[in-house]
Amino acid sequence: MTTREEKEQLRCECKARRDALSGEERSLMSSAITGLVLTLVRPYTTVMAYASKEPEVRTIDLLSSLIGQGKRLVLPIIQKEERTLRLSYVPSPSCLTPSTFGVPEPVLCEEPAEAGSIDIAIVPLIGFDRHGSRIGYGAGYYDRFFSEHPNIPSIGLGFSVQECNRIPTEPFDHRLDYIVTEREIIHVKVY
């Protein structure tokens, strides 16, 4: 089995485990994750995050809390044709509109942001392991972003049921610095 085939198999397994959680479980777990993330990002001023869609870790309360704490919030806008992310400051989650792949994006209130202004980035995932390896949706948007901006620390958000023993990696795969689940903050040690 190739690395890509292994990843696709793990992607399917992790999605199934995540999707088996009830809406109430996801809501409670997302609240716990939000609390842990807010502790983790306290020292940072400009935070890149993402607006979630079901059944991901819900980030709407996190986004509101970051803004409420005076953080500068940056969200990506997916550029499907170029397979890249365009960045925008977000003054309020209320300006988000479902866009590419149904992901809420600040397309109606776009205020361009530079990657160099970002202190830390919060990213979605479908699966993770304790070495910081991440399985995303498979299009490589975040891997490309971090290959161009490798010094931005990254936090992956996932439910504990999305953990894998080991995720096979390829040279272009970005390794996370932290993973936050409803149970813990995993600080990835780089060896």
N, C-alpha and C. Protein backbone atom coordinates (compact mmCIF):
# COMPACT_ATOMS: atom_id res chain seq x y z
N MET A 1 0.85 -1.19 0.00
CA MET A 1 0.00 0.00 0.00
C MET A 1 0.89 1.25 0.00
N THR A 2 0.60 2.19 -0.85
CA THR A 2 1.40 3.41 -0.92
C THR A 2 1.05 4.35 0.25
N THR A 3 1.91 5.34 0.48
CA THR A 3 1.66 6.32 1.53
C THR A 3 0.33 7.01 1.30
N ARG A 4 0.07 7.39 0.06
CA ARG A 4 -1.20 8.08 -0.25
C ARG A 4 -2.40 7.18 0.03
N GLU A 5 -2.28 5.90 -0.30
CA GLU A 5 -3.38 4.96 -0.03
C GLU A 5 -3.58 4.78 1.48
N GLU A 6 -2.48 4.69 2.22
CA GLU A 6 -2.58 4.60 3.68
C GLU A 6 -3.26 5.82 4.26
N LYS A 7 -2.86 7.00 3.77
CA LYS A 7 -3.46 8.25 4.26
C LYS A 7 -4.96 8.28 3.96
N GLU A 8 -5.33 7.85 2.76
CA GLU A 8 -6.74 7.87 2.38
C GLU A 8 -7.55 6.91 3.25
N GLN A 9 -6.96 5.77 3.56
CA GLN A 9 -7.64 4.81 4.44
C GLN A 9 -7.82 5.41 5.84
N LEU A 10 -6.76 6.02 6.37
CA LEU A 10 -6.84 6.66 7.68
C LEU A 10 -7.83 7.83 7.65
N ARG A 11 -7.84 8.58 6.57
CA ARG A 11 -8.79 9.70 6.43
C ARG A 11 -10.22 9.19 6.57
N CYS A 12 -10.53 8.10 5.90
CA CYS A 12 -11.87 7.52 5.97
C CYS A 12 -12.20 7.03 7.38
N GLU A 13 -11.23 6.37 8.03
CA GLU A 13 -11.46 5.86 9.39
C GLU A 13 -11.67 7.01 10.38
N CYS A 14 -10.84 8.04 10.27
CA CYS A 14 -10.95 9.18 11.20
C CYS A 14 -12.25 9.94 10.99
N LYS A 15 -12.64 10.12 9.73
CA LYS A 15 -13.92 10.79 9.44
C LYS A 15 -15.07 9.99 10.04
N ALA A 16 -15.03 8.67 9.90
CA ALA A 16 -16.11 7.83 10.43
C ALA A 16 -16.20 7.95 11.95
N ARG A 17 -15.04 7.97 12.63
CA ARG A 17 -15.04 8.10 14.09
C ARG A 17 -15.57 9.47 14.51
N ARG A 18 -15.14 10.51 13.80
CA ARG A 18 -15.60 11.87 14.11
C ARG A 18 -17.10 11.99 13.84
N ASP A 19 -17.54 11.45 12.70
CA ASP A 19 -18.94 11.58 12.31
C ASP A 19 -19.87 10.78 13.22
N ALA A 20 -19.33 9.80 13.94
CA ALA A 20 -20.14 8.99 14.84
C ALA A 20 -20.47 9.74 16.14
N LEU A 21 -19.76 10.84 16.41
CA LEU A 21 -20.07 11.64 17.60
C LEU A 21 -21.40 12.34 17.39
N SER A 22 -22.18 12.44 18.45
CA SER A 22 -23.45 13.16 18.34
C SER A 22 -23.18 14.66 18.29
N GLY A 23 -24.16 15.43 17.84
CA GLY A 23 -24.02 16.88 17.82
C GLY A 23 -23.75 17.43 19.20
N GLU A 24 -24.41 16.85 20.21
CA GLU A 24 -24.20 17.31 21.59
C GLU A 24 -22.77 17.01 22.05
N GLU A 25 -22.28 15.82 21.73
CA GLU A 25 -20.89 15.48 22.09
C GLU A 25 -19.91 16.43 21.43
N ARG A 26 -20.11 16.70 20.13
CA ARG A 26 -19.22 17.62 19.43
C ARG A 26 -19.26 19.02 20.03
N SER A 27 -20.45 19.44 20.43
CA SER A 27 -20.60 20.77 21.03
C SER A 27 -19.85 20.86 22.36
N LEU A 28 -20.03 19.87 23.23
CA LEU A 28 -19.34 19.86 24.53
C LEU A 28 -17.83 19.77 24.37
N MET A 29 -17.39 18.90 23.48
CA MET A 29 -15.96 18.73 23.24
C MET A 29 -15.36 20.00 22.63
N SER A 30 -16.10 20.64 21.73
CA SER A 30 -15.62 21.87 21.10
C SER A 30 -15.44 22.97 22.15
N SER A 31 -16.36 23.04 23.12
CA SER A 31 -16.23 24.03 24.20
C SER A 31 -14.97 23.79 25.02
N ALA A 32 -14.69 22.54 25.31
CA ALA A 32 -13.47 22.20 26.07
C ALA A 32 -12.23 22.57 25.26
N ILE A 33 -12.25 22.28 23.97
CA ILE A 33 -11.12 22.62 23.08
C ILE A 33 -10.91 24.12 23.05
N THR A 34 -12.01 24.88 22.93
CA THR A 34 -11.92 26.34 22.90
C THR A 34 -11.19 26.86 24.14
N GLY A 35 -11.56 26.35 25.33
CA GLY A 35 -10.91 26.78 26.57
C GLY A 35 -9.42 26.52 26.56
N LEU A 36 -9.02 25.35 26.09
CA LEU A 36 -7.59 25.01 26.05
C LEU A 36 -6.84 25.86 25.03
N VAL A 37 -7.45 26.10 23.88
CA VAL A 37 -6.80 26.91 22.85
C VAL A 37 -6.59 28.34 23.34
N LEU A 38 -7.60 28.89 24.01
CA LEU A 38 -7.47 30.27 24.51
C LEU A 38 -6.31 30.40 25.48
N THR A 39 -6.09 29.38 26.28
CA THR A 39 -4.93 29.38 27.18
C THR A 39 -3.62 29.34 26.38
N LEU A 40 -3.60 28.51 25.36
CA LEU A 40 -2.39 28.32 24.56
C LEU A 40 -2.02 29.58 23.76
N VAL A 41 -3.00 30.30 23.26
CA VAL A 41 -2.70 31.46 22.41
C VAL A 41 -2.63 32.78 23.18
N ARG A 42 -2.77 32.71 24.50
CA ARG A 42 -2.77 33.94 25.31
C ARG A 42 -1.62 34.89 24.99
N PRO A 43 -0.37 34.40 24.83
CA PRO A 43 0.74 35.34 24.60
C PRO A 43 0.79 35.95 23.20
N TYR A 44 -0.04 35.49 22.29
CA TYR A 44 0.06 35.92 20.90
C TYR A 44 -0.94 37.05 20.58
N THR A 45 -0.57 37.90 19.63
CA THR A 45 -1.41 39.04 19.26
C THR A 45 -2.24 38.76 18.02
N THR A 46 -1.62 38.23 16.96
CA THR A 46 -2.33 37.97 15.70
C THR A 46 -2.44 36.46 15.50
N VAL A 47 -3.67 35.98 15.45
CA VAL A 47 -3.94 34.55 15.38
C VAL A 47 -4.67 34.23 14.09
N MET A 48 -4.11 33.32 13.32
CA MET A 48 -4.81 32.79 12.16
C MET A 48 -5.62 31.59 12.63
N ALA A 49 -6.87 31.52 12.25
CA ALA A 49 -7.71 30.39 12.62
C ALA A 49 -8.54 30.00 11.40
N TYR A 50 -9.55 29.21 11.61
CA TYR A 50 -10.43 28.81 10.52
C TYR A 50 -11.85 28.79 11.04
N ALA A 51 -12.79 29.04 10.18
CA ALA A 51 -14.21 28.93 10.53
C ALA A 51 -14.64 27.52 10.17
N SER A 52 -15.16 26.82 11.14
CA SER A 52 -15.48 25.40 10.94
C SER A 52 -16.80 25.21 10.20
N LYS A 53 -16.92 24.00 9.68
CA LYS A 53 -18.20 23.53 9.13
C LYS A 53 -18.46 22.18 9.78
N GLU A 54 -19.69 21.78 9.84
CA GLU A 54 -20.03 20.48 10.46
C GLU A 54 -19.38 19.35 9.68
N PRO A 55 -18.89 18.32 10.33
CA PRO A 55 -18.89 18.03 11.76
C PRO A 55 -17.52 18.31 12.42
N GLU A 56 -16.81 19.34 11.98
CA GLU A 56 -15.50 19.67 12.54
C GLU A 56 -15.65 20.21 13.97
N VAL A 57 -14.51 20.35 14.65
CA VAL A 57 -14.49 21.06 15.93
C VAL A 57 -15.10 22.44 15.66
N ARG A 58 -16.10 22.80 16.42
CA ARG A 58 -16.79 24.08 16.21
C ARG A 58 -15.92 25.23 16.70
N THR A 59 -15.67 26.18 15.82
CA THR A 59 -14.76 27.28 16.18
C THR A 59 -15.44 28.63 16.33
N ILE A 60 -16.75 28.73 16.16
CA ILE A 60 -17.40 30.04 16.20
C ILE A 60 -17.18 30.74 17.54
N ASP A 61 -17.28 30.00 18.65
CA ASP A 61 -17.05 30.61 19.98
C ASP A 61 -15.59 30.99 20.15
N LEU A 62 -14.69 30.19 19.60
CA LEU A 62 -13.26 30.50 19.66
C LEU A 62 -12.98 31.80 18.91
N LEU A 63 -13.54 31.93 17.71
CA LEU A 63 -13.31 33.13 16.91
C LEU A 63 -13.83 34.37 17.65
N SER A 64 -15.03 34.27 18.21
CA SER A 64 -15.61 35.39 18.96
C SER A 64 -14.77 35.73 20.18
N SER A 65 -14.28 34.71 20.88
CA SER A 65 -13.46 34.94 22.07
C SER A 65 -12.13 35.59 21.72
N LEU A 66 -11.52 35.15 20.63
CA LEU A 66 -10.24 35.76 20.21
C LEU A 66 -10.44 37.25 19.93
N ILE A 67 -11.49 37.58 19.20
CA ILE A 67 -11.77 38.99 18.91
C ILE A 67 -12.08 39.74 20.20
N GLY A 68 -12.87 39.11 21.07
CA GLY A 68 -13.24 39.72 22.34
C GLY A 68 -12.04 39.99 23.24
N GLN A 69 -10.99 39.20 23.09
CA GLN A 69 -9.77 39.39 23.88
C GLN A 69 -8.82 40.38 23.22
N GLY A 70 -9.24 40.98 22.12
CA GLY A 70 -8.41 41.99 21.47
C GLY A 70 -7.37 41.43 20.53
N LYS A 71 -7.48 40.15 20.19
CA LYS A 71 -6.55 39.55 19.23
C LYS A 71 -6.92 40.02 17.82
N ARG A 72 -5.93 40.10 16.95
CA ARG A 72 -6.21 40.33 15.52
C ARG A 72 -6.45 38.94 14.93
N LEU A 73 -7.62 38.75 14.38
CA LEU A 73 -8.00 37.45 13.84
C LEU A 73 -7.83 37.45 12.33
N VAL A 74 -7.14 36.43 11.83
CA VAL A 74 -6.94 36.25 10.40
C VAL A 74 -7.56 34.92 10.00
N LEU A 75 -8.35 34.92 8.92
CA LEU A 75 -8.91 33.68 8.40
C LEU A 75 -8.49 33.51 6.95
N PRO A 76 -8.34 32.26 6.52
CA PRO A 76 -7.99 32.02 5.11
C PRO A 76 -9.23 32.03 4.22
N ILE A 77 -8.99 32.41 2.98
CA ILE A 77 -9.99 32.28 1.92
C ILE A 77 -9.38 31.32 0.90
N ILE A 78 -10.09 30.24 0.65
CA ILE A 78 -9.57 29.20 -0.25
C ILE A 78 -9.60 29.69 -1.69
N GLN A 79 -8.46 29.61 -2.35
CA GLN A 79 -8.37 29.91 -3.78
C GLN A 79 -8.22 28.57 -4.50
N LYS A 80 -9.35 28.01 -4.86
CA LYS A 80 -9.41 26.63 -5.37
C LYS A 80 -8.55 26.42 -6.61
N GLU A 81 -8.62 27.35 -7.56
CA GLU A 81 -7.90 27.17 -8.82
C GLU A 81 -6.38 27.15 -8.59
N GLU A 82 -5.90 28.03 -7.72
CA GLU A 82 -4.46 28.10 -7.45
C GLU A 82 -4.02 27.14 -6.35
N ARG A 83 -5.00 26.55 -5.67
CA ARG A 83 -4.74 25.67 -4.52
C ARG A 83 -3.91 26.39 -3.45
N THR A 84 -4.29 27.63 -3.17
CA THR A 84 -3.60 28.42 -2.15
C THR A 84 -4.62 29.05 -1.23
N LEU A 85 -4.11 29.69 -0.18
CA LEU A 85 -4.95 30.40 0.77
C LEU A 85 -4.65 31.89 0.69
N ARG A 86 -5.69 32.68 0.58
CA ARG A 86 -5.58 34.14 0.65
C ARG A 86 -6.00 34.52 2.07
N LEU A 87 -5.35 35.49 2.67
CA LEU A 87 -5.60 35.80 4.08
C LEU A 87 -6.36 37.10 4.25
N SER A 88 -7.24 37.12 5.25
CA SER A 88 -8.02 38.32 5.54
C SER A 88 -8.18 38.49 7.04
N TYR A 89 -8.05 39.73 7.50
CA TYR A 89 -8.43 40.04 8.89
C TYR A 89 -9.94 39.93 8.97
N VAL A 90 -10.43 39.54 10.15
CA VAL A 90 -11.87 39.40 10.35
C VAL A 90 -12.27 40.20 11.59
N PRO A 91 -13.11 41.21 11.42
CA PRO A 91 -13.54 42.02 12.55
C PRO A 91 -14.61 41.36 13.40
N SER A 92 -15.38 40.43 12.77
CA SER A 92 -16.48 39.77 13.48
C SER A 92 -16.88 38.51 12.73
N PRO A 93 -17.19 37.43 13.47
CA PRO A 93 -17.66 36.22 12.79
C PRO A 93 -18.95 36.43 12.01
N SER A 94 -19.68 37.51 12.30
CA SER A 94 -20.95 37.75 11.61
C SER A 94 -20.75 38.05 10.13
N CYS A 95 -19.52 38.41 9.72
CA CYS A 95 -19.32 38.72 8.30
C CYS A 95 -18.92 37.49 7.48
N LEU A 96 -18.90 36.32 8.09
CA LEU A 96 -18.51 35.11 7.37
C LEU A 96 -19.68 34.57 6.55
N THR A 97 -19.36 34.10 5.34
CA THR A 97 -20.36 33.56 4.42
C THR A 97 -19.87 32.21 3.90
N PRO A 98 -20.74 31.18 3.87
CA PRO A 98 -20.31 29.91 3.28
C PRO A 98 -19.80 30.14 1.85
N SER A 99 -18.61 29.58 1.58
CA SER A 99 -17.97 29.82 0.30
C SER A 99 -17.46 28.50 -0.26
N THR A 100 -16.19 28.46 -0.70
CA THR A 100 -15.62 27.27 -1.30
C THR A 100 -15.73 26.07 -0.36
N PHE A 101 -16.19 24.95 -0.87
CA PHE A 101 -16.40 23.71 -0.10
C PHE A 101 -17.35 23.91 1.07
N GLY A 102 -18.15 24.98 1.07
CA GLY A 102 -19.08 25.25 2.16
C GLY A 102 -18.41 25.85 3.40
N VAL A 103 -17.13 26.19 3.29
CA VAL A 103 -16.39 26.75 4.43
C VAL A 103 -16.76 28.22 4.60
N PRO A 104 -17.15 28.64 5.82
CA PRO A 104 -17.42 30.06 6.05
C PRO A 104 -16.14 30.89 5.88
N GLU A 105 -16.21 31.91 5.03
CA GLU A 105 -15.04 32.74 4.74
C GLU A 105 -15.44 34.22 4.75
N PRO A 106 -14.47 35.11 4.98
CA PRO A 106 -14.76 36.55 5.03
C PRO A 106 -14.79 37.21 3.65
N VAL A 107 -15.48 36.60 2.71
CA VAL A 107 -15.46 37.10 1.33
C VAL A 107 -16.21 38.44 1.17
N LEU A 108 -17.15 38.73 2.06
CA LEU A 108 -17.91 39.98 1.95
C LEU A 108 -17.30 41.12 2.77
N CYS A 109 -16.31 40.81 3.59
CA CYS A 109 -15.70 41.85 4.44
C CYS A 109 -14.18 41.73 4.39
N GLU A 110 -13.68 41.32 3.24
CA GLU A 110 -12.25 41.02 3.13
C GLU A 110 -11.37 42.24 3.40
N GLU A 111 -10.38 42.02 4.28
CA GLU A 111 -9.37 43.03 4.59
C GLU A 111 -8.02 42.29 4.52
N PRO A 112 -7.30 42.41 3.40
CA PRO A 112 -6.09 41.60 3.18
C PRO A 112 -5.11 41.63 4.35
N ALA A 113 -4.58 40.44 4.66
CA ALA A 113 -3.59 40.27 5.72
C ALA A 113 -2.36 39.61 5.13
N GLU A 114 -1.22 39.89 5.72
CA GLU A 114 0.04 39.29 5.29
C GLU A 114 0.40 38.15 6.23
N ALA A 115 0.93 37.07 5.69
CA ALA A 115 1.33 35.94 6.52
C ALA A 115 2.38 36.34 7.55
N GLY A 116 3.22 37.31 7.20
CA GLY A 116 4.27 37.76 8.12
C GLY A 116 3.76 38.37 9.40
N SER A 117 2.48 38.75 9.43
CA SER A 117 1.91 39.35 10.63
C SER A 117 1.37 38.30 11.61
N ILE A 118 1.30 37.05 11.17
CA ILE A 118 0.68 35.98 11.98
C ILE A 118 1.66 35.46 13.02
N ASP A 119 1.21 35.42 14.27
CA ASP A 119 2.03 34.91 15.38
C ASP A 119 1.87 33.41 15.56
N ILE A 120 0.67 32.89 15.31
CA ILE A 120 0.39 31.46 15.46
C ILE A 120 -0.83 31.13 14.61
N ALA A 121 -0.91 29.90 14.12
CA ALA A 121 -2.01 29.49 13.22
C ALA A 121 -2.72 28.27 13.77
N ILE A 122 -4.05 28.30 13.71
CA ILE A 122 -4.90 27.20 14.14
C ILE A 122 -5.50 26.58 12.89
N VAL A 123 -5.34 25.27 12.74
CA VAL A 123 -5.76 24.62 11.49
C VAL A 123 -6.69 23.42 11.77
N PRO A 124 -7.54 23.10 10.80
CA PRO A 124 -8.41 21.93 10.94
C PRO A 124 -7.63 20.66 10.61
N LEU A 125 -8.19 19.54 11.01
CA LEU A 125 -7.59 18.25 10.65
C LEU A 125 -8.67 17.18 10.64
N ILE A 126 -8.33 16.09 10.00
CA ILE A 126 -9.21 14.92 10.03
C ILE A 126 -8.61 13.84 10.90
N GLY A 127 -7.28 13.76 10.92
CA GLY A 127 -6.60 12.79 11.77
C GLY A 127 -5.26 13.35 12.20
N PHE A 128 -4.74 12.83 13.32
CA PHE A 128 -3.45 13.29 13.83
C PHE A 128 -2.78 12.17 14.60
N ASP A 129 -1.47 12.31 14.78
CA ASP A 129 -0.76 11.43 15.71
C ASP A 129 0.05 12.30 16.66
N ARG A 130 0.66 11.69 17.65
CA ARG A 130 1.37 12.44 18.69
C ARG A 130 2.73 12.96 18.26
N HIS A 131 3.09 12.70 17.00
CA HIS A 131 4.33 13.25 16.47
C HIS A 131 4.07 14.53 15.69
N GLY A 132 2.81 15.00 15.69
CA GLY A 132 2.47 16.22 14.98
C GLY A 132 2.08 16.01 13.54
N SER A 133 2.00 14.77 13.11
CA SER A 133 1.57 14.49 11.74
C SER A 133 0.06 14.67 11.66
N ARG A 134 -0.39 15.21 10.53
CA ARG A 134 -1.79 15.59 10.36
C ARG A 134 -2.30 15.06 9.03
N ILE A 135 -3.53 14.59 9.05
CA ILE A 135 -4.23 14.29 7.80
C ILE A 135 -5.29 15.37 7.65
N GLY A 136 -5.23 16.06 6.53
CA GLY A 136 -6.25 17.07 6.23
C GLY A 136 -7.23 16.49 5.23
N TYR A 137 -7.78 17.38 4.44
CA TYR A 137 -8.79 16.95 3.46
C TYR A 137 -8.16 16.44 2.17
N GLY A 138 -6.85 16.59 2.03
CA GLY A 138 -6.16 15.99 0.90
C GLY A 138 -5.77 16.93 -0.22
N ALA A 139 -6.15 18.20 -0.14
CA ALA A 139 -5.82 19.13 -1.23
C ALA A 139 -4.49 19.85 -1.00
N GLY A 140 -3.96 19.81 0.22
CA GLY A 140 -2.63 20.37 0.49
C GLY A 140 -2.56 21.87 0.70
N TYR A 141 -3.70 22.53 0.92
CA TYR A 141 -3.68 24.00 1.09
C TYR A 141 -2.77 24.42 2.26
N TYR A 142 -2.95 23.77 3.40
CA TYR A 142 -2.15 24.16 4.57
C TYR A 142 -0.70 23.71 4.43
N ASP A 143 -0.44 22.55 3.84
CA ASP A 143 0.94 22.12 3.62
C ASP A 143 1.68 23.14 2.76
N ARG A 144 1.03 23.62 1.71
CA ARG A 144 1.65 24.63 0.85
C ARG A 144 1.87 25.94 1.61
N PHE A 145 0.87 26.34 2.40
CA PHE A 145 0.99 27.58 3.17
C PHE A 145 2.19 27.51 4.11
N PHE A 146 2.31 26.41 4.86
CA PHE A 146 3.41 26.30 5.83
C PHE A 146 4.76 26.06 5.16
N SER A 147 4.77 25.51 3.95
CA SER A 147 6.06 25.38 3.26
C SER A 147 6.60 26.76 2.90
N GLU A 148 5.69 27.71 2.65
CA GLU A 148 6.11 29.08 2.35
C GLU A 148 6.34 29.91 3.62
N HIS A 149 5.75 29.48 4.75
CA HIS A 149 5.86 30.23 6.01
C HIS A 149 6.16 29.25 7.15
N PRO A 150 7.33 28.61 7.11
CA PRO A 150 7.63 27.53 8.06
C PRO A 150 7.83 27.99 9.51
N ASN A 151 8.01 29.28 9.74
CA ASN A 151 8.28 29.74 11.11
C ASN A 151 7.02 30.09 11.90
N ILE A 152 5.85 29.95 11.29
CA ILE A 152 4.61 30.21 12.02
C ILE A 152 4.25 28.95 12.81
N PRO A 153 4.20 29.03 14.15
CA PRO A 153 3.80 27.85 14.92
C PRO A 153 2.36 27.46 14.57
N SER A 154 2.06 26.16 14.63
CA SER A 154 0.74 25.68 14.21
C SER A 154 0.09 24.81 15.27
N ILE A 155 -1.22 24.96 15.37
CA ILE A 155 -2.04 24.19 16.31
C ILE A 155 -3.12 23.49 15.50
N GLY A 156 -3.21 22.18 15.62
CA GLY A 156 -4.29 21.43 14.99
C GLY A 156 -5.39 21.17 16.00
N LEU A 157 -6.65 21.31 15.57
CA LEU A 157 -7.79 21.04 16.45
C LEU A 157 -8.49 19.77 16.02
N GLY A 158 -8.69 18.87 16.97
CA GLY A 158 -9.40 17.63 16.66
C GLY A 158 -9.98 17.01 17.91
N PHE A 159 -10.94 16.15 17.72
CA PHE A 159 -11.49 15.39 18.83
C PHE A 159 -10.55 14.21 19.10
N SER A 160 -10.51 13.75 20.34
CA SER A 160 -9.58 12.67 20.68
C SER A 160 -9.84 11.41 19.84
N VAL A 161 -11.07 11.19 19.37
CA VAL A 161 -11.36 10.01 18.56
C VAL A 161 -10.67 10.05 17.19
N GLN A 162 -10.11 11.21 16.84
CA GLN A 162 -9.44 11.35 15.54
C GLN A 162 -7.95 11.01 15.62
N GLU A 163 -7.49 10.61 16.80
CA GLU A 163 -6.07 10.27 16.96
C GLU A 163 -5.75 8.93 16.30
N CYS A 164 -4.59 8.87 15.65
CA CYS A 164 -4.09 7.66 15.01
C CYS A 164 -2.79 7.26 15.70
N ASN A 165 -2.46 6.00 15.64
CA ASN A 165 -1.17 5.57 16.20
C ASN A 165 -0.02 6.19 15.44
N ARG A 166 -0.11 6.15 14.11
CA ARG A 166 0.95 6.71 13.27
C ARG A 166 0.36 7.09 11.93
N ILE A 167 0.71 8.29 11.50
CA ILE A 167 0.28 8.74 10.18
C ILE A 167 1.50 8.74 9.27
N PRO A 168 1.43 8.04 8.15
CA PRO A 168 2.57 8.07 7.23
C PRO A 168 2.72 9.47 6.65
N THR A 169 3.96 9.89 6.47
CA THR A 169 4.18 11.25 5.97
C THR A 169 4.99 11.24 4.68
N GLU A 170 4.85 12.34 3.98
CA GLU A 170 5.63 12.59 2.77
C GLU A 170 6.44 13.86 3.01
N PRO A 171 7.49 14.10 2.23
CA PRO A 171 8.38 15.23 2.51
C PRO A 171 7.68 16.59 2.59
N PHE A 172 6.58 16.76 1.87
CA PHE A 172 5.90 18.07 1.86
C PHE A 172 4.90 18.24 3.00
N ASP A 173 4.68 17.18 3.81
CA ASP A 173 3.69 17.27 4.88
C ASP A 173 4.19 18.17 6.01
N HIS A 174 3.34 19.09 6.43
CA HIS A 174 3.67 19.99 7.54
C HIS A 174 3.41 19.30 8.87
N ARG A 175 4.37 19.42 9.78
CA ARG A 175 4.21 18.85 11.12
C ARG A 175 3.70 19.94 12.07
N LEU A 176 2.66 19.62 12.82
CA LEU A 176 2.07 20.56 13.77
C LEU A 176 2.97 20.72 14.99
N ASP A 177 2.90 21.89 15.62
CA ASP A 177 3.62 22.13 16.87
C ASP A 177 2.78 21.71 18.08
N TYR A 178 1.47 21.86 17.95
CA TYR A 178 0.53 21.49 19.02
C TYR A 178 -0.69 20.84 18.41
N ILE A 179 -1.32 19.97 19.20
CA ILE A 179 -2.63 19.45 18.85
C ILE A 179 -3.48 19.62 20.09
N VAL A 180 -4.67 20.16 19.91
CA VAL A 180 -5.57 20.35 21.04
C VAL A 180 -6.81 19.50 20.82
N THR A 181 -7.10 18.65 21.81
CA THR A 181 -8.32 17.86 21.81
C THR A 181 -9.13 18.31 23.03
N GLU A 182 -10.29 17.72 23.23
CA GLU A 182 -11.10 18.05 24.39
C GLU A 182 -10.44 17.61 25.69
N ARG A 183 -9.44 16.74 25.59
CA ARG A 183 -8.79 16.20 26.78
C ARG A 183 -7.48 16.87 27.15
N GLU A 184 -6.76 17.40 26.13
CA GLU A 184 -5.39 17.85 26.42
C GLU A 184 -4.82 18.72 25.31
N ILE A 185 -3.72 19.38 25.68
CA ILE A 185 -2.87 20.05 24.72
C ILE A 185 -1.66 19.15 24.52
N ILE A 186 -1.45 18.69 23.32
CA ILE A 186 -0.29 17.84 23.01
C ILE A 186 0.78 18.76 22.44
N HIS A 187 1.87 18.91 23.18
CA HIS A 187 2.99 19.72 22.69
C HIS A 187 3.93 18.75 21.99
N VAL A 188 4.02 18.88 20.71
CA VAL A 188 4.82 17.94 19.91
C VAL A 188 6.30 18.23 20.12
N LYS A 189 7.02 17.21 20.50
CA LYS A 189 8.46 17.32 20.67
C LYS A 189 9.12 16.96 19.35
N VAL A 190 9.98 17.82 18.87
CA VAL A 190 10.69 17.54 17.62
C VAL A 190 12.03 16.90 17.97
N TYR A 191 12.26 15.70 17.45
CA TYR A 191 13.51 15.00 17.74
C TYR A 191 14.40 15.00 16.54
